[in-house]
Protein backbone atom coordinates (compact mmCIF):
# COMPACT_ATOMS: atom_id res chain seq x y z
CA UNK A 1 268.53 113.59 56.98
CA UNK A 2 268.99 116.98 55.69
CA UNK A 3 269.40 119.07 58.67
CA UNK A 4 265.34 120.66 57.42
CA UNK A 5 264.52 117.41 56.70
CA UNK A 6 265.10 116.89 59.93
CA UNK A 7 263.84 120.46 61.55
CA UNK A 8 260.85 118.98 59.62
CA UNK A 9 260.40 116.21 61.16
CA UNK A 10 261.07 117.75 64.58
CA UNK A 11 258.00 120.44 63.48
CA UNK A 12 255.67 117.06 62.85
CA UNK A 13 256.71 115.33 66.45
CA UNK A 14 255.72 118.56 67.87
CA UNK A 15 252.36 119.10 66.75
CA UNK A 16 251.31 114.86 66.90
CA UNK A 17 252.59 115.25 70.56
CA UNK A 18 250.66 118.43 71.66
CA UNK A 19 247.59 117.46 69.44
CA UNK A 20 247.70 113.81 71.40
CA UNK A 21 248.66 115.24 75.27
CA UNK A 22 245.59 117.87 74.54
CA UNK A 23 242.94 115.03 73.66
CA UNK A 24 244.38 113.40 76.92
CA UNK A 25 244.02 116.25 79.18
CA UNK A 26 240.38 116.73 78.57
CA UNK A 27 239.45 113.45 78.93
CA UNK A 28 240.84 113.20 81.89
CA UNK A 29 238.79 116.84 82.81
CA UNK A 30 236.50 114.93 81.43
CA UNK A 31 236.54 111.85 84.09
CA UNK A 32 237.26 114.42 86.53
CA UNK A 33 234.07 117.09 86.02
CA UNK A 34 231.90 113.29 85.56
CA UNK A 35 233.09 112.17 89.33
CA UNK A 36 232.64 115.48 90.40
CA UNK A 37 228.98 115.14 89.71
CA UNK A 38 228.02 112.56 90.83
CA UNK A 39 229.65 112.82 94.48
CA UNK A 40 227.34 116.31 93.78
CA UNK A 41 224.29 114.57 93.68
CA UNK A 42 225.34 111.21 95.58
CA UNK A 43 225.91 114.27 98.53
CA UNK A 44 224.10 117.59 97.94
CA UNK A 45 221.16 116.28 97.24
CA UNK A 46 218.82 118.49 95.54
CA UNK A 47 217.39 117.65 91.66
CA UNK A 48 219.31 120.66 90.66
CA UNK A 49 222.84 119.55 90.71
CA UNK A 50 222.38 116.13 89.04
CA UNK A 51 224.51 115.79 85.74
CA UNK A 52 222.02 115.95 83.13
CA UNK A 53 220.09 118.63 84.75
CA UNK A 54 223.62 120.70 85.01
CA UNK A 55 224.05 119.63 80.84
CA UNK A 56 220.58 120.74 79.99
CA UNK A 57 221.13 124.64 82.54
CA UNK A 58 224.60 124.35 80.33
CA UNK A 59 223.31 123.72 77.04
CA UNK A 60 220.73 126.22 76.86
CA UNK A 61 222.96 129.18 77.29
CA UNK A 62 224.48 128.20 74.09
CA UNK A 63 223.80 127.62 70.34
CA UNK A 64 224.75 124.47 69.31
CA UNK A 65 225.28 124.09 65.61
CA UNK A 66 224.44 120.44 65.22
CA UNK A 67 226.17 121.25 61.37
CA UNK A 68 229.50 120.73 63.73
CA UNK A 69 228.35 117.56 64.73
CA UNK A 70 230.11 113.95 64.46
CA UNK A 71 227.23 111.41 65.62
CA UNK A 72 225.04 112.45 69.10
CA UNK A 73 224.12 110.64 72.53
CA UNK A 74 221.22 110.32 74.08
CA UNK A 75 219.22 111.59 76.37
CA UNK A 76 216.12 111.65 78.54
CA UNK A 77 215.24 114.30 77.06
CA UNK A 78 215.57 116.31 73.37
CA UNK A 79 216.22 119.44 72.76
CA UNK A 80 216.11 121.66 69.73
CA UNK A 81 218.53 123.84 69.51
CA UNK A 82 217.84 127.43 68.16
CA UNK A 83 220.02 127.19 64.86
CA UNK A 84 219.24 123.48 63.79
CA UNK A 85 216.19 122.02 63.09
CA UNK A 86 217.55 118.76 64.22
CA UNK A 87 217.20 117.09 67.77
CA UNK A 88 220.84 116.87 69.82
CA UNK A 89 220.56 115.00 72.47
CA UNK A 90 223.30 115.05 74.92
CA UNK A 91 224.28 112.82 77.72
CA UNK A 92 226.71 112.09 80.50
CA UNK A 93 224.89 108.65 82.13
CA UNK A 94 224.62 107.05 78.45
CA UNK A 95 227.31 108.30 76.70
CA UNK A 96 230.32 105.41 75.01
CA UNK A 97 233.30 105.75 73.44
CA UNK A 98 234.85 103.72 70.82
CA UNK A 99 238.11 104.92 70.96
CA UNK A 100 239.26 102.72 67.90
CA UNK A 101 239.38 106.55 66.46
CA UNK A 102 242.03 107.56 68.36
CA UNK A 103 244.66 105.86 67.40
CA UNK A 104 244.78 107.95 64.50
CA UNK A 105 246.17 110.96 64.60
CA UNK A 106 245.29 112.43 61.66
CA UNK A 107 241.03 111.64 62.90
CA UNK A 108 242.39 113.64 65.85
CA UNK A 109 243.06 117.07 64.60
CA UNK A 110 239.83 117.97 62.21
CA UNK A 111 237.48 115.80 64.76
CA UNK A 112 238.11 118.31 66.67
CA UNK A 113 238.82 121.76 64.26
CA UNK A 114 235.19 121.54 63.99
CA UNK A 115 233.12 121.98 67.01
CA UNK A 116 233.34 125.17 67.77
CA UNK A 117 229.95 126.01 69.85
CA UNK A 118 231.45 128.39 72.54
CA UNK A 119 230.81 125.61 75.22
CA UNK A 120 233.16 125.13 77.97
CA UNK A 121 236.47 122.75 76.87
CA UNK A 122 234.46 119.32 78.15
CA UNK A 123 231.37 120.42 76.69
CA UNK A 124 233.28 120.78 73.71
CA UNK A 125 234.51 117.64 73.94
CA UNK A 126 231.53 116.53 75.07
CA UNK A 127 230.48 116.91 71.22
CA UNK A 128 232.78 115.41 69.55
CA UNK A 129 232.73 112.04 69.66
CA UNK A 130 234.16 110.82 66.91
CA UNK A 131 232.90 107.31 66.34
CA UNK A 132 230.36 106.91 69.13
CA UNK A 133 228.60 104.24 69.18
CA UNK A 134 224.77 104.41 68.45
CA UNK A 135 222.60 103.92 71.58
CA UNK A 136 218.32 104.19 72.82
CA UNK A 137 217.06 105.85 75.25
CA UNK A 138 213.08 104.78 76.52
CA UNK A 139 212.06 108.76 76.86
CA UNK A 140 208.63 109.79 78.83
CA UNK A 141 206.03 111.79 76.57
CA UNK A 142 203.05 113.15 78.03
CA UNK A 143 201.15 114.14 75.58
CA UNK A 144 197.71 115.91 75.46
CA UNK A 145 194.21 117.29 74.36
CA UNK A 146 194.12 121.25 71.81
CA UNK A 147 191.33 122.66 70.88
CA UNK A 148 191.53 125.70 68.29
CA UNK A 149 188.93 128.70 69.78
CA UNK A 150 187.13 130.41 67.20
CA UNK A 151 184.27 131.99 67.59
CA UNK A 152 182.81 134.73 71.12
CA UNK A 153 182.00 133.29 74.55
CA UNK A 154 179.21 130.73 73.44
CA UNK A 155 181.31 129.08 70.49
CA UNK A 156 184.62 128.94 72.99
CA UNK A 157 182.81 128.25 75.63
CA UNK A 158 181.40 124.47 73.69
CA UNK A 159 184.83 124.17 72.62
CA UNK A 160 186.66 124.26 76.46
CA UNK A 161 183.89 122.71 77.82
CA UNK A 162 184.33 119.69 75.04
CA UNK A 163 188.10 119.27 75.12
CA UNK A 164 188.31 119.07 78.61
CA UNK A 165 185.30 116.12 78.29
CA UNK A 166 187.44 114.37 75.43
CA UNK A 167 190.88 114.93 77.59
CA UNK A 168 189.35 114.13 81.26
CA UNK A 169 187.66 110.35 79.53
CA UNK A 170 191.27 109.78 78.22
CA UNK A 171 193.33 110.38 81.28
CA UNK A 172 195.66 113.20 79.50
CA UNK A 173 195.39 116.90 79.84
CA UNK A 174 194.19 120.17 77.75
CA UNK A 175 196.21 123.06 77.06
CA UNK A 176 194.82 126.15 77.25
CA UNK A 177 196.74 129.30 76.56
CA UNK A 178 197.47 132.12 79.42
CA UNK A 179 195.92 134.18 76.18
CA UNK A 180 193.05 132.68 75.28
CA UNK A 181 189.65 134.27 75.80
CA UNK A 182 188.25 131.37 77.82
CA UNK A 183 190.93 131.94 80.89
CA UNK A 184 190.97 135.82 80.43
CA UNK A 185 186.98 135.83 81.55
CA UNK A 186 187.26 132.12 84.53
CA UNK A 187 189.16 131.50 86.65
CA UNK A 188 190.77 128.18 85.01
CA UNK A 189 193.71 126.61 86.93
CA UNK A 190 195.81 123.91 86.15
CA UNK A 191 194.77 120.36 87.58
CA UNK A 192 194.84 116.72 86.88
CA UNK A 193 192.76 116.72 82.83
CA UNK A 194 194.29 121.08 82.36
CA UNK A 195 197.53 122.55 81.72
CA UNK A 196 197.93 126.32 81.61
CA UNK A 197 200.38 127.20 79.04
CA UNK A 198 202.09 130.37 78.09
CA UNK A 199 202.72 130.00 74.08
CA UNK A 200 201.26 126.25 73.95
CA UNK A 201 204.23 124.32 72.04
CA UNK A 202 202.81 121.70 73.09
CA UNK A 203 200.19 121.88 70.37
CA UNK A 204 202.42 122.24 67.77
CA UNK A 205 202.26 118.68 66.43
CA UNK A 206 199.17 117.86 67.23
CA UNK A 207 196.78 115.69 65.27
CA UNK A 208 192.86 117.35 64.12
CA UNK A 209 190.11 114.84 64.26
CA UNK A 210 186.88 117.06 62.94
CA UNK A 211 183.21 116.30 64.44
CA UNK A 212 181.00 115.56 60.84
CA UNK A 213 178.14 117.81 62.16
CA UNK A 214 178.83 121.35 63.92
CA UNK A 215 175.95 121.28 66.40
CA UNK A 216 175.26 117.49 66.88
CA UNK A 217 177.98 114.67 68.52
CA UNK A 218 180.25 112.58 66.61
CA UNK A 219 181.71 109.59 68.86
CA UNK A 220 184.00 109.56 66.10
CA UNK A 221 186.76 112.81 67.05
CA UNK A 222 187.49 110.60 70.58
CA UNK A 223 188.22 107.73 69.33
CA UNK A 224 191.26 107.73 69.57
CA UNK A 225 194.60 106.43 72.41
CA UNK A 226 196.15 109.58 74.68
CA UNK A 227 199.05 108.30 72.81
CA UNK A 228 199.75 111.31 70.61
CA UNK A 229 198.65 115.14 71.40
CA UNK A 230 195.30 115.61 69.46
CA UNK A 231 193.54 118.68 68.45
CA UNK A 232 189.41 118.05 68.46
CA UNK A 233 187.07 120.39 67.22
CA UNK A 234 185.84 122.45 65.44
CA UNK A 235 182.63 123.68 67.31
CA UNK A 236 181.95 120.49 69.70
CA UNK A 237 178.17 121.15 70.21
CA UNK A 238 176.98 118.60 72.01
CA UNK A 239 176.78 118.58 75.69
CA UNK A 240 177.50 114.85 74.66
CA UNK A 241 181.15 115.55 74.80
CA UNK A 242 181.39 117.09 79.02
CA UNK A 243 178.02 115.50 80.37
CA UNK A 244 180.19 113.59 82.47
CA UNK A 245 182.46 115.99 83.59
CA UNK A 246 179.73 118.78 84.33
CA UNK A 247 179.93 119.30 88.19
CA UNK A 248 183.89 119.51 87.74
CA UNK A 249 183.33 122.10 84.75
CA UNK A 250 180.94 124.02 87.34
CA UNK A 251 183.69 124.20 89.62
CA UNK A 252 186.29 124.95 87.13
CA UNK A 253 184.25 127.43 84.93
CA UNK A 254 184.20 130.19 87.47
CA UNK A 255 184.04 133.74 86.12
CA UNK A 256 187.03 135.94 87.39
CA UNK A 257 186.74 138.88 90.49
CA UNK A 258 185.91 141.85 88.24
CA UNK A 259 183.57 140.48 86.23
CA UNK A 260 181.44 138.63 89.04
CA UNK A 261 181.90 141.79 91.58
CA UNK A 262 180.19 143.48 88.56
CA UNK A 263 177.29 141.14 88.44
CA UNK A 264 176.63 141.39 92.18
CA UNK A 265 176.55 144.53 92.21
CA UNK A 266 173.59 145.01 89.54
CA UNK A 267 172.07 141.61 91.70
CA UNK A 268 172.12 143.73 94.08
CA UNK A 269 170.81 147.09 92.93
CA UNK A 270 167.46 145.36 91.17
CA UNK A 271 167.16 143.45 94.73
CA UNK A 272 167.22 147.16 96.49
CA UNK A 273 164.85 148.59 93.86
CA UNK A 274 161.92 146.18 94.68
CA UNK A 275 163.06 146.29 98.33
CA UNK A 276 163.65 142.85 98.18
CA UNK A 277 166.02 139.28 98.53
CA UNK A 278 166.98 136.62 97.11
CA UNK A 279 164.92 134.80 99.97
CA UNK A 280 161.96 136.21 99.23
CA UNK A 281 161.47 136.29 94.97
CA UNK A 282 162.89 134.15 92.16
CA UNK A 283 165.31 135.38 89.53
CA UNK A 284 164.34 134.87 85.96
CA UNK A 285 166.44 135.50 83.83
CA UNK A 286 166.02 136.05 80.28
CA UNK A 287 168.07 136.02 77.08
CA UNK A 288 167.17 138.00 73.56
CA UNK A 289 169.09 137.29 70.38
CA UNK A 290 168.16 139.30 67.60
CA UNK A 291 171.00 141.66 65.97
CA UNK A 292 173.05 139.53 63.18
CA UNK A 293 170.81 136.85 63.34
CA UNK A 294 167.97 138.60 62.09
CA UNK A 295 167.35 138.32 58.49
CA UNK A 296 170.98 136.51 58.30
CA UNK A 297 170.34 134.79 55.35
CA UNK A 298 171.96 131.76 56.65
CA UNK A 299 169.17 129.69 57.86
CA UNK A 300 168.38 130.94 61.74
CA UNK A 301 165.74 131.63 62.93
CA UNK A 302 165.39 134.21 66.34
CA UNK A 303 162.47 133.48 68.80
CA UNK A 304 159.44 135.78 68.41
CA UNK A 305 157.31 137.48 71.21
CA UNK A 306 154.46 134.31 71.03
CA UNK A 307 157.72 132.27 73.11
CA UNK A 308 158.76 134.87 75.11
CA UNK A 309 154.76 134.91 75.78
CA UNK A 310 154.45 131.44 76.59
CA UNK A 311 158.13 131.35 78.83
CA UNK A 312 156.95 133.63 80.65
CA UNK A 313 153.32 132.26 81.56
CA UNK A 314 155.31 129.12 82.37
CA UNK A 315 157.31 130.29 85.19
CA UNK A 316 154.69 132.41 86.59
CA UNK A 317 153.53 129.99 89.41
CA UNK A 318 156.95 130.32 90.72
CA UNK A 319 157.89 132.86 94.14
CA UNK A 320 157.11 136.24 92.85
CA UNK A 321 159.12 136.11 90.02
CA UNK A 322 161.40 138.88 88.27
CA UNK A 323 162.60 138.47 85.13
CA UNK A 324 166.00 139.91 83.81
CA UNK A 325 166.37 140.63 80.87
CA UNK A 326 170.02 140.47 78.73
CA UNK A 327 169.92 141.69 74.80
CA UNK A 328 171.18 142.71 72.08
CA UNK A 329 167.85 144.02 70.44
CA UNK A 330 166.73 145.89 73.71
CA UNK A 331 164.58 148.12 71.92
CA UNK A 332 162.61 145.42 70.27
CA UNK A 333 162.71 143.23 73.68
CA UNK A 334 161.25 146.33 75.38
CA UNK A 335 158.31 146.87 72.90
CA UNK A 336 157.40 143.10 72.94
CA UNK A 337 158.40 141.82 76.69
CA UNK A 338 154.28 141.13 78.20
CA UNK A 339 153.49 144.80 80.16
CA UNK A 340 152.03 143.08 83.96
CA UNK A 341 155.29 141.11 84.97
CA UNK A 342 158.39 142.42 86.99
CA UNK A 343 160.83 143.35 83.73
CA UNK A 344 164.05 143.87 84.99
CA UNK A 345 166.26 145.47 81.53
CA UNK A 346 170.06 145.54 81.21
CA UNK A 347 172.62 147.60 79.67
CA UNK A 348 176.30 149.72 79.34
CA UNK A 349 177.69 145.46 80.43
CA UNK A 350 180.07 143.38 78.50
CA UNK A 351 179.60 140.46 77.27
CA UNK A 352 180.74 138.45 79.96
CA UNK A 353 179.16 140.24 82.87
CA UNK A 354 175.88 139.93 80.99
CA UNK A 355 176.70 136.09 81.24
CA UNK A 356 177.54 136.32 84.70
CA UNK A 357 174.48 138.21 85.80
CA UNK A 358 172.35 135.24 84.19
CA UNK A 359 174.41 132.96 85.48
CA UNK A 360 173.78 134.04 89.70
CA UNK A 361 170.20 133.48 88.34
CA UNK A 362 167.40 130.70 89.42
CA UNK A 363 166.36 130.13 86.47
CA UNK A 364 166.58 130.65 82.09
CA UNK A 365 164.89 131.90 79.24
CA UNK A 366 167.03 131.15 76.36
CA UNK A 367 166.21 132.05 72.82
CA UNK A 368 169.22 131.01 70.64
CA UNK A 369 172.60 131.15 69.88
CA UNK A 370 175.66 129.25 72.01
CA UNK A 371 175.42 131.82 74.18
CA UNK A 372 172.36 131.81 75.17
CA UNK A 373 172.98 128.24 75.61
CA UNK A 374 175.63 129.07 78.29
CA UNK A 375 173.19 130.91 80.02
CA UNK A 376 171.08 128.03 80.35
CA UNK A 377 173.74 125.69 81.14
CA UNK A 378 175.21 127.53 83.94
CA UNK A 379 172.50 128.80 85.91
CA UNK A 380 171.61 124.86 86.49
CA UNK A 381 167.57 125.55 86.98
CA UNK A 382 164.53 125.20 84.26
CA UNK A 383 165.93 126.34 81.00
CA UNK A 384 163.15 127.11 78.68
CA UNK A 385 164.78 126.65 75.02
CA UNK A 386 163.36 128.31 70.85
CA UNK A 387 162.58 124.57 69.54
CA UNK A 388 163.45 126.19 65.93
CA UNK A 389 166.77 128.04 65.91
CA UNK A 390 167.01 126.81 62.38
CA UNK A 391 165.44 126.78 59.11
CA UNK A 392 164.14 123.27 57.85
CA UNK A 393 165.26 123.18 54.67
CA UNK A 394 168.11 125.61 54.74
CA UNK A 395 171.66 123.96 55.09
CA UNK A 396 172.87 125.34 58.40
CA UNK A 397 169.97 122.25 59.73
CA UNK A 398 172.66 119.75 58.58
CA UNK A 399 175.02 121.16 62.11
CA UNK A 400 171.93 118.97 64.27
CA UNK A 401 171.48 116.19 65.10
CA UNK A 402 167.50 115.06 64.11
CA UNK A 403 165.49 115.97 67.18
CA UNK A 404 168.09 118.68 68.46
CA UNK A 405 168.90 116.83 71.70
CA UNK A 406 172.39 116.54 70.89
CA UNK A 407 172.18 120.09 71.01
CA UNK A 408 169.76 120.92 73.45
CA UNK A 409 169.22 119.00 77.00
CA UNK A 410 166.28 116.11 77.33
CA UNK A 411 165.09 117.73 80.79
CA UNK A 412 165.01 121.73 79.32
CA UNK A 413 161.46 122.17 78.00
CA UNK A 414 161.38 123.26 74.48
CA UNK A 415 158.48 126.03 73.45
């Protein structure tokens, strides 16, 4: 053997020994760290010191490219790394190593060179499983009910209430976003059937189930098992979706304090104006829907002057009735309300403030539309409604059941 060949042989041996020493040291470090973590878990106590928790916290601080990962190791939870579309599972508890790959030094060095995650040596080695044995872990996952809010307050209330009713019937949770209008109006909180979510990522992969009719009950919408996340909709305008949880909804749907305070102040001013109190009068809300429903061309009908006259006459036998009128057509309302009754016209408020005011009344004369429907629901008293809200031969008519009773409560009074 020449001098040159001897030198090459020595250098080659040096690299082989150095690589093997690095692997042995890394594995020893893993063993020491794992033992330390187990000791910490057993002796320190709190869950935040558990091995899996510590590793998960470490992973969240670093970007991990799954293109550089040879194999995976299972964990009880999964996460999608920032720069990868694939999910990577990491675990100490379920790691199994195929040490036969360590026998050939040529398999070691290329594997080590593929790791460039910015993590510690321990987590880097943990990501470099040379020929890992695949394992399966039973991962528990919670499933949810989601809705997509469309329309204005009345529509959103139907979607929320129906979504909640369906979720409760399945033992699931309805996802409510902090940016949802319904959350900003009402004091909705986490409970056994509600999850308050910042970004609603829980709904990203939801399976969509749509009703056959917008304003009628469709049993197929809630005909599913709680083994996946579902988005139900779109309008869900039927009391039958949530009648079993109506009492719960009345506790959940409490107006936020600034809205309720405004309504209370208006009510106090009305009582002060007539030098009376709640105990000596009956407050009857009247909602007059005009605006975009007048000559809409979509088959909608608005309540007539004759309807309001009959409804006011219906309540005339109640104790000292005071009628509180909210409308998006105040000019028409003032011109067509009966003159020989105590009527107070309200203006200058937001829709949610008017809704809170009507909800504070004892009874309700509703007109048409979902907003008017919910004003009646909130009073929880005697409610009248206009029996002909849609042109019979219009396309809009098919959205309702034949007798409208999927939409209107049977105990409400149609006039």
